[in-house]
Amino acid sequence: MTLLVLLGLVSYYVGTLGTHTEIKKVAEEKVTLPCHHQLGLPEKDTLDIEWLLTDREGNQKVVITYSSHHVYNNLTEEQKGRVAFASNFLAGDASLQIEPLKPSDEGRYTCKVKNSGRYVWSYVILKVLVRPSKPKCELEGELTEGSDLTLQCESSSGTEPIVYSWQRVQEKEGEDERLPPKSKIDYNHPGRVLLQNLTMSSSGLYQCTAGNEAGKESCVVRVTVQYVQSVGMIAGAVTGMVAGALLIFLLVWLLIRRKDKKRYEEEERPNEIREDAEAPKARLVKPSSSSSGSRSSRSGSSSTRSTANSGSRSQRTPCAEAVRRQGLAAHTYGPVGPEARSSEPKKAPHATLTKAENTPSTIPSQSRAFQTV
């Protein structure tokens, strides 16, 4: 009787205090949460085991149970297929195994073992660590001598706190891995480093490392400092190329315009002759006595030719003769001087020309008072 009382006190004591364990594990790894008991040895048929999880929001849910000779381990969608008893739970090891571990598995786990009215509780606090994501290295500022440049690095995910550190990558033997002398760390933003008053020796490869309890990740960025003079030369060269291209374009445009204008003038030149332009005016000059004889003979031959041609003119129709006279008036230019008016024959009607053909004409010398010079 005394022995039973003592056993009851011991079991009540264990059930009240239990064991408290804290475990930190990296995500995607395997973890085993310990839970040991001796309640199943005397009577295995009445043994019950239950694991409970209280998450960070305070919600409680059943993870896995053993009851009535059956194991139930697919009780939650988040942990379905990832939880199981790690060992022989009937022999006293009811440890819980989770694989692979997820950040959502973090929380307080309670192992409760019951058999024949006796209880044993075990508590495990599980903290899931997430390694920093690969950081992103960036430059902010001008890469010229004498200017300031900011190196910044940040991981988008990972368990806090994340520690950042910058250093130079040794590319050649003898190079210093430390940052340039005039470098300042921004303690409000640990991933930022200010490089002041850049020089050509500041050029090189820089590495940022982000780390926490779970691990480390890093990124690199290259810094190339340029001469101020070289920058000006590049800008001047670019400006000259642009100006040259514009000049070439302008010359080509002017040549095309000039060619088009010349072709237009050549096409329009024949159309510039006006059909209604006035013929040059002629002057009448009174013939002198010394040339009266020669002019008389010239007049006689002219009347003879006019008499001979009157026959052929009489055979032409009046319409054709009128068209011919209009063409001669429009396109024939007379001589300049006194001969201009007298040289143009005076047209006679058709009836007069017919009569003149049959009757010889005599022109008195007095009628030829004015002759062409």
Protein backbone atom coordinates (compact mmCIF):
# COMPACT_ATOMS: atom_id res chain seq x y z
CA MET A 1 0.00 0.00 0.00
CA THR A 2 2.82 2.34 0.85
CA LEU A 3 4.52 1.49 -2.44
CA LEU A 4 1.43 2.41 -4.47
CA VAL A 5 1.17 5.75 -2.74
CA LEU A 6 4.81 6.50 -3.49
CA LEU A 7 4.35 5.59 -7.15
CA GLY A 8 1.36 7.90 -7.38
CA LEU A 9 3.35 10.78 -5.88
CA VAL A 10 6.16 10.24 -8.33
CA SER A 11 3.87 10.15 -11.37
CA TYR A 12 2.05 13.28 -10.19
CA TYR A 13 5.38 15.00 -9.70
CA VAL A 14 6.56 14.08 -13.21
CA GLY A 15 3.29 15.10 -14.76
CA THR A 16 3.38 18.48 -13.13
CA LEU A 17 6.99 19.48 -13.86
CA GLY A 18 7.96 17.50 -16.94
CA THR A 19 11.03 18.46 -18.98
CA HIS A 20 11.68 21.66 -20.96
CA THR A 21 13.98 21.62 -23.95
CA GLU A 22 14.83 24.29 -26.55
CA ILE A 23 16.04 23.27 -29.98
CA LYS A 24 17.22 25.43 -32.88
CA LYS A 25 17.34 23.88 -36.30
CA VAL A 26 17.85 25.12 -39.84
CA ALA A 27 14.94 24.91 -42.26
CA GLU A 28 14.86 22.01 -44.73
CA GLU A 29 16.76 19.79 -42.29
CA LYS A 30 15.54 16.96 -40.03
CA VAL A 31 14.78 17.47 -36.34
CA THR A 32 13.91 15.08 -33.51
CA LEU A 33 11.95 16.34 -30.49
CA PRO A 34 12.68 14.13 -27.45
CA CYS A 35 9.99 12.50 -25.28
CA HIS A 36 10.76 9.51 -22.98
CA HIS A 37 8.46 7.62 -20.64
CA GLN A 38 8.08 4.32 -18.77
CA LEU A 39 4.34 4.13 -18.65
CA GLY A 40 3.88 1.57 -21.39
CA LEU A 41 5.90 -1.22 -19.89
CA PRO A 42 3.35 -2.67 -17.46
CA GLU A 43 0.22 -2.27 -19.60
CA LYS A 44 0.51 -1.54 -23.35
CA ASP A 45 -3.15 -1.84 -24.15
CA THR A 46 -4.11 1.36 -22.31
CA LEU A 47 -1.22 3.49 -23.54
CA ASP A 48 -2.06 6.85 -25.20
CA ILE A 49 0.51 9.29 -26.71
CA GLU A 50 -0.26 12.75 -28.07
CA TRP A 51 1.88 15.56 -29.49
CA LEU A 52 0.46 19.11 -29.54
CA LEU A 53 1.80 22.28 -31.20
CA THR A 54 1.16 25.81 -30.03
CA ASP A 55 2.26 28.14 -32.81
CA ARG A 56 3.47 31.75 -32.60
CA GLU A 57 -0.08 33.07 -32.80
CA GLY A 58 -1.16 30.95 -29.81
CA ASN A 59 -3.23 28.47 -31.81
CA GLN A 60 -3.00 24.83 -30.68
CA LYS A 61 -3.34 21.78 -32.90
CA VAL A 62 -2.71 18.03 -32.68
CA VAL A 63 0.37 16.81 -34.55
CA ILE A 64 0.37 13.02 -34.03
CA THR A 65 -1.35 10.54 -31.68
CA TYR A 66 -1.26 6.89 -30.71
CA SER A 67 -4.43 5.36 -29.33
CA SER A 68 -6.11 1.93 -29.43
CA HIS A 69 -3.14 0.38 -31.19
CA HIS A 70 -3.29 2.93 -34.07
CA VAL A 71 -1.05 5.84 -35.08
CA TYR A 72 -2.68 9.00 -36.53
CA ASN A 73 -0.13 11.29 -38.18
CA ASN A 74 -2.01 13.07 -40.98
CA LEU A 75 -4.00 15.41 -38.80
CA THR A 76 -2.88 18.78 -40.32
CA GLU A 77 -2.35 19.83 -43.93
CA GLU A 78 0.79 21.78 -43.06
CA GLN A 79 2.59 18.73 -41.58
CA LYS A 80 0.96 15.94 -43.51
CA GLY A 81 3.52 13.28 -44.46
CA ARG A 82 6.35 15.02 -42.57
CA VAL A 83 5.81 13.86 -38.96
CA ALA A 84 6.30 10.42 -37.37
CA PHE A 85 7.48 8.72 -34.18
CA ALA A 86 11.24 8.55 -34.21
CA SER A 87 11.61 5.25 -32.33
CA ASN A 88 9.77 2.47 -30.50
CA PHE A 89 7.20 4.50 -28.61
CA LEU A 90 5.83 1.36 -26.88
CA ALA A 91 9.23 0.74 -25.34
CA GLY A 92 9.41 4.21 -23.83
CA ASP A 93 10.72 6.51 -26.62
CA ALA A 94 7.91 8.66 -27.98
CA SER A 95 10.20 11.22 -29.65
CA LEU A 96 8.78 13.15 -32.62
CA GLN A 97 10.60 13.45 -35.94
CA ILE A 98 9.89 16.20 -38.50
CA GLU A 99 11.45 16.14 -41.97
CA PRO A 100 11.91 18.37 -43.87
CA LEU A 101 11.59 21.24 -41.44
CA LYS A 102 9.55 24.31 -42.44
CA PRO A 103 9.42 27.78 -40.87
CA SER A 104 5.77 27.13 -40.03
CA ASP A 105 6.85 24.26 -37.73
CA GLU A 106 8.23 26.73 -35.24
CA GLY A 107 6.48 26.83 -31.85
CA ARG A 108 6.02 25.05 -28.53
CA TYR A 109 5.51 21.30 -28.65
CA THR A 110 3.92 19.27 -25.83
CA CYS A 111 4.36 15.51 -25.54
CA LYS A 112 1.62 13.93 -23.36
CA VAL A 113 1.79 10.25 -22.39
CA LYS A 114 -1.07 8.62 -20.49
CA ASN A 115 -1.43 5.08 -19.15
CA SER A 116 -3.75 3.76 -16.46
CA GLY A 117 -4.44 7.22 -15.07
CA ARG A 118 -0.83 8.31 -14.99
CA TYR A 119 0.52 11.21 -17.09
CA VAL A 120 3.92 12.37 -18.28
CA TRP A 121 4.42 15.75 -20.00
CA SER A 122 7.43 16.94 -21.97
CA TYR A 123 7.86 20.40 -23.48
CA VAL A 124 10.07 21.31 -26.43
CA ILE A 125 10.48 24.80 -27.83
CA LEU A 126 11.44 24.55 -31.49
CA LYS A 127 12.96 27.48 -33.31
CA VAL A 128 13.38 27.16 -37.08
CA LEU A 129 16.30 29.12 -38.51
CA VAL A 130 16.24 30.41 -42.09
CA ARG A 131 19.55 31.24 -43.72
CA PRO A 132 19.80 34.65 -45.41
CA SER A 133 18.78 34.79 -49.03
CA LYS A 134 21.47 35.68 -51.50
CA PRO A 135 22.03 39.43 -51.01
CA LYS A 136 21.95 41.97 -53.80
CA CYS A 137 24.98 44.22 -54.17
CA GLU A 138 24.49 47.72 -55.61
CA LEU A 139 26.46 50.91 -56.19
CA GLU A 140 25.14 54.41 -55.54
CA GLY A 141 27.14 57.46 -56.63
CA GLU A 142 29.63 58.52 -59.31
CA LEU A 143 32.62 56.40 -60.28
CA THR A 144 34.98 59.34 -60.77
CA GLU A 145 38.06 60.48 -58.90
CA GLY A 146 37.33 62.61 -55.86
CA SER A 147 33.65 61.64 -55.60
CA ASP A 148 31.92 59.52 -52.94
CA LEU A 149 30.47 56.06 -53.56
CA THR A 150 28.06 54.00 -51.44
CA LEU A 151 28.15 50.20 -51.45
CA GLN A 152 24.88 48.65 -50.30
CA CYS A 153 23.91 45.04 -49.69
CA GLU A 154 20.67 43.49 -48.41
CA SER A 155 19.05 40.04 -48.14
CA SER A 156 15.32 39.83 -48.78
CA SER A 157 14.71 36.99 -46.29
CA GLY A 158 16.36 35.21 -43.38
CA THR A 159 16.13 34.87 -39.61
CA GLU A 160 17.04 38.03 -37.76
CA PRO A 161 19.49 39.29 -36.83
CA ILE A 162 21.41 39.30 -40.10
CA VAL A 163 24.97 40.58 -39.93
CA TYR A 164 26.51 42.24 -42.99
CA SER A 165 30.20 42.72 -43.70
CA TRP A 166 32.16 44.21 -46.64
CA GLN A 167 35.67 43.41 -47.79
CA ARG A 168 37.82 43.63 -50.89
CA VAL A 169 38.45 40.50 -52.93
CA GLN A 170 42.13 39.79 -53.47
CA GLU A 171 42.49 39.46 -57.23
CA LYS A 172 46.27 39.73 -57.35
CA GLU A 173 48.91 38.61 -54.94
CA GLY A 174 49.77 41.31 -52.44
CA GLU A 175 46.48 43.21 -52.68
CA ASP A 176 44.92 44.38 -49.43
CA GLU A 177 41.57 42.81 -48.51
CA ARG A 178 40.64 45.70 -46.25
CA LEU A 179 38.44 48.55 -47.34
CA PRO A 180 40.04 51.87 -48.42
CA PRO A 181 41.17 54.08 -45.53
CA LYS A 182 38.39 56.66 -45.95
CA SER A 183 35.50 54.22 -45.58
CA LYS A 184 32.57 54.58 -43.20
CA ILE A 185 30.02 51.98 -42.11
CA ASP A 186 26.42 53.13 -41.73
CA TYR A 187 25.40 51.56 -38.41
CA ASN A 188 21.76 52.47 -38.99
CA HIS A 189 21.91 50.38 -42.16
CA PRO A 190 24.61 47.73 -41.58
CA GLY A 191 24.67 46.73 -45.23
CA ARG A 192 25.83 50.20 -46.40
CA VAL A 193 29.44 51.36 -46.63
CA LEU A 194 30.53 54.82 -47.80
CA LEU A 195 33.76 55.13 -49.80
CA GLN A 196 34.92 58.76 -49.61
CA ASN A 197 37.20 60.63 -52.02
CA LEU A 198 37.67 57.85 -54.55
CA THR A 199 41.09 57.32 -56.09
CA MET A 200 42.33 54.98 -58.78
CA SER A 201 43.49 52.60 -56.04
CA SER A 202 39.86 52.26 -54.93
CA SER A 203 39.09 50.25 -58.05
CA GLY A 204 38.59 46.54 -57.52
CA LEU A 205 36.17 43.77 -56.59
CA TYR A 206 34.18 44.11 -53.36
CA GLN A 207 32.30 41.33 -51.55
CA CYS A 208 29.35 41.60 -49.16
CA THR A 209 28.54 38.72 -46.79
CA ALA A 210 25.18 38.34 -45.03
CA GLY A 211 25.10 35.82 -42.19
CA ASN A 212 23.04 34.59 -39.24
CA GLU A 213 22.83 31.46 -37.06
CA ALA A 214 21.67 29.39 -40.02
CA GLY A 215 24.44 30.25 -42.47
CA LYS A 216 25.93 32.81 -44.83
CA GLU A 217 25.40 34.11 -48.34
CA SER A 218 27.44 36.65 -50.31
CA CYS A 219 27.52 38.78 -53.46
CA VAL A 220 30.24 40.74 -55.28
CA VAL A 221 30.36 44.02 -57.20
CA ARG A 222 33.15 45.65 -59.20
CA VAL A 223 34.19 49.26 -58.71
CA THR A 224 36.00 50.98 -61.62
CA VAL A 225 37.11 54.54 -60.92
CA GLN A 226 37.57 56.77 -63.99
CA TYR A 227 39.72 59.82 -64.59
CA VAL A 228 37.76 63.06 -64.75
CA GLN A 229 39.71 64.01 -67.90
CA SER A 230 38.88 60.75 -69.60
CA VAL A 231 35.22 61.30 -68.87
CA GLY A 232 35.42 64.76 -70.50
CA MET A 233 37.17 63.31 -73.53
CA ILE A 234 34.49 60.68 -73.95
CA ALA A 235 31.76 63.31 -73.67
CA GLY A 236 33.55 65.51 -76.23
CA ALA A 237 33.98 62.61 -78.63
CA VAL A 238 30.31 61.74 -78.40
CA THR A 239 29.34 65.38 -78.98
CA GLY A 240 31.65 65.61 -82.01
CA MET A 241 30.21 62.45 -83.53
CA VAL A 242 26.69 63.76 -83.14
CA ALA A 243 27.64 67.14 -84.67
CA GLY A 244 29.39 65.42 -87.60
CA ALA A 245 26.39 63.25 -88.28
CA LEU A 246 24.12 66.31 -88.31
CA LEU A 247 26.47 68.14 -90.69
CA ILE A 248 26.56 65.21 -93.12
CA PHE A 249 22.80 65.02 -93.04
CA LEU A 250 22.52 68.75 -93.77
CA LEU A 251 24.92 68.53 -96.74
CA VAL A 252 23.04 65.60 -98.23
CA TRP A 253 19.77 67.48 -97.84
CA LEU A 254 21.18 70.60 -99.56
CA LEU A 255 22.51 68.55 -102.48
CA ILE A 256 19.15 66.88 -102.98
CA ARG A 257 17.38 70.24 -102.86
CA ARG A 258 19.77 71.75 -105.39
CA LYS A 259 19.37 68.83 -107.76
CA ASP A 260 15.58 69.00 -107.55
CA LYS A 261 15.64 72.76 -108.20
CA LYS A 262 17.87 72.39 -111.26
CA ARG A 263 15.64 69.70 -112.72
CA TYR A 264 12.57 71.85 -112.12
CA GLU A 265 14.16 74.81 -113.95
CA GLU A 266 15.07 72.62 -116.93
CA GLU A 267 11.51 71.35 -117.18
CA GLU A 268 9.97 74.85 -116.95
CA ARG A 269 12.38 76.69 -119.29
CA PRO A 270 10.57 75.86 -122.64
CA ASN A 271 7.32 77.18 -121.20
CA GLU A 272 8.76 80.64 -120.55
CA ILE A 273 8.38 81.82 -124.25
CA ARG A 274 5.24 83.91 -124.51
CA GLU A 275 3.21 83.69 -127.73
CA ASP A 276 1.72 87.16 -127.21
CA ALA A 277 5.09 88.96 -126.99
CA GLU A 278 5.34 92.11 -129.13
CA ALA A 279 7.69 92.14 -132.06
CA PRO A 280 10.47 94.75 -132.04
CA LYS A 281 9.37 98.13 -133.43
CA ALA A 282 10.81 99.24 -136.80
CA ARG A 283 11.80 102.76 -137.88
CA LEU A 284 10.78 104.39 -141.16
CA VAL A 285 13.61 106.09 -143.02
CA LYS A 286 13.11 108.36 -146.09
CA PRO A 287 15.17 107.06 -148.95
CA SER A 288 17.84 109.31 -150.45
CA SER A 289 18.03 110.32 -154.12
CA SER A 290 21.18 108.31 -154.71
CA SER A 291 19.44 105.04 -154.01
CA SER A 292 16.18 105.79 -155.90
CA GLY A 293 17.33 104.02 -159.06
CA SER A 294 18.29 100.81 -157.39
CA ARG A 295 15.12 100.86 -155.38
CA SER A 296 13.04 101.31 -158.57
CA SER A 297 14.58 98.25 -160.13
CA ARG A 298 14.07 96.32 -156.91
CA SER A 299 10.44 97.44 -156.89
CA GLY A 300 9.92 96.19 -160.42
CA SER A 301 11.28 92.77 -159.66
CA SER A 302 9.13 92.65 -156.53
CA SER A 303 5.95 93.38 -158.53
CA THR A 304 6.91 90.70 -161.05
CA ARG A 305 7.34 88.13 -158.26
CA SER A 306 4.09 89.16 -156.64
CA THR A 307 2.28 88.77 -160.00
CA ALA A 308 3.78 85.32 -160.48
CA ASN A 309 2.83 84.17 -157.00
CA SER A 310 -0.68 85.59 -157.17
CA GLY A 311 -1.78 82.65 -159.27
CA SER A 312 -0.72 80.09 -156.68
CA ARG A 313 -2.20 82.15 -153.85
CA SER A 314 -5.55 82.32 -155.64
CA GLN A 315 -5.82 78.52 -155.48
CA ARG A 316 -5.66 78.48 -151.67
CA THR A 317 -8.80 78.75 -149.67
CA PRO A 318 -9.37 81.84 -147.55
CA CYS A 319 -9.33 79.78 -144.33
CA ALA A 320 -5.91 78.24 -145.04
CA GLU A 321 -4.54 81.64 -146.00
CA ALA A 322 -5.85 83.14 -142.76
CA VAL A 323 -4.27 80.35 -140.67
CA ARG A 324 -0.95 80.85 -142.46
CA ARG A 325 -1.04 84.61 -141.85
CA GLN A 326 -1.77 84.07 -138.14
CA GLY A 327 1.16 81.68 -137.84
CA LEU A 328 3.49 84.11 -139.54
CA ALA A 329 2.30 86.96 -137.38
CA ALA A 330 2.79 84.96 -134.18
CA HIS A 331 6.22 83.39 -134.79
CA THR A 332 8.04 85.52 -137.41
CA TYR A 333 10.12 88.43 -136.27
CA GLY A 334 10.77 91.26 -138.81
CA PRO A 335 14.06 93.04 -139.30
CA VAL A 336 14.92 95.96 -137.14
CA GLY A 337 15.20 99.28 -138.99
CA PRO A 338 13.51 101.13 -141.79
CA GLU A 339 13.03 97.96 -143.86
CA ALA A 340 10.74 96.46 -141.24
CA ARG A 341 7.51 98.07 -142.42
CA SER A 342 8.12 98.29 -146.19
CA SER A 343 9.41 94.71 -146.46
CA GLU A 344 6.10 93.26 -145.22
CA PRO A 345 3.89 92.81 -148.32
CA LYS A 346 0.44 94.31 -148.19
CA LYS A 347 -2.23 91.64 -148.46
CA ALA A 348 -4.88 92.05 -151.16
CA PRO A 349 -8.32 90.52 -151.30
CA HIS A 350 -8.82 87.35 -153.31
CA ALA A 351 -10.72 89.15 -156.09
CA THR A 352 -8.00 91.72 -156.51
CA LEU A 353 -5.37 89.00 -156.74
CA THR A 354 -7.33 87.28 -159.50
CA LYS A 355 -7.63 90.44 -161.52
CA ALA A 356 -3.97 91.17 -161.07
CA GLU A 357 -3.09 87.82 -162.55
CA ASN A 358 -4.69 88.69 -165.87
CA THR A 359 -3.67 92.35 -166.05
CA PRO A 360 -0.03 93.43 -166.08
CA SER A 361 0.69 95.87 -163.41
CA THR A 362 2.87 98.89 -163.62
CA ILE A 363 3.99 100.67 -160.56
CA PRO A 364 4.88 104.32 -161.08
CA SER A 365 8.10 105.46 -159.59
CA GLN A 366 6.26 108.10 -157.57
CA SER A 367 4.38 105.43 -155.57
CA ARG A 368 7.62 104.12 -154.19
CA ALA A 369 8.39 107.11 -152.12
CA PHE A 370 9.50 105.07 -149.13
CA GLN A 371 11.63 102.00 -149.33
CA THR A 372 13.38 99.82 -146.86
CA VAL A 373 16.97 100.53 -146.14
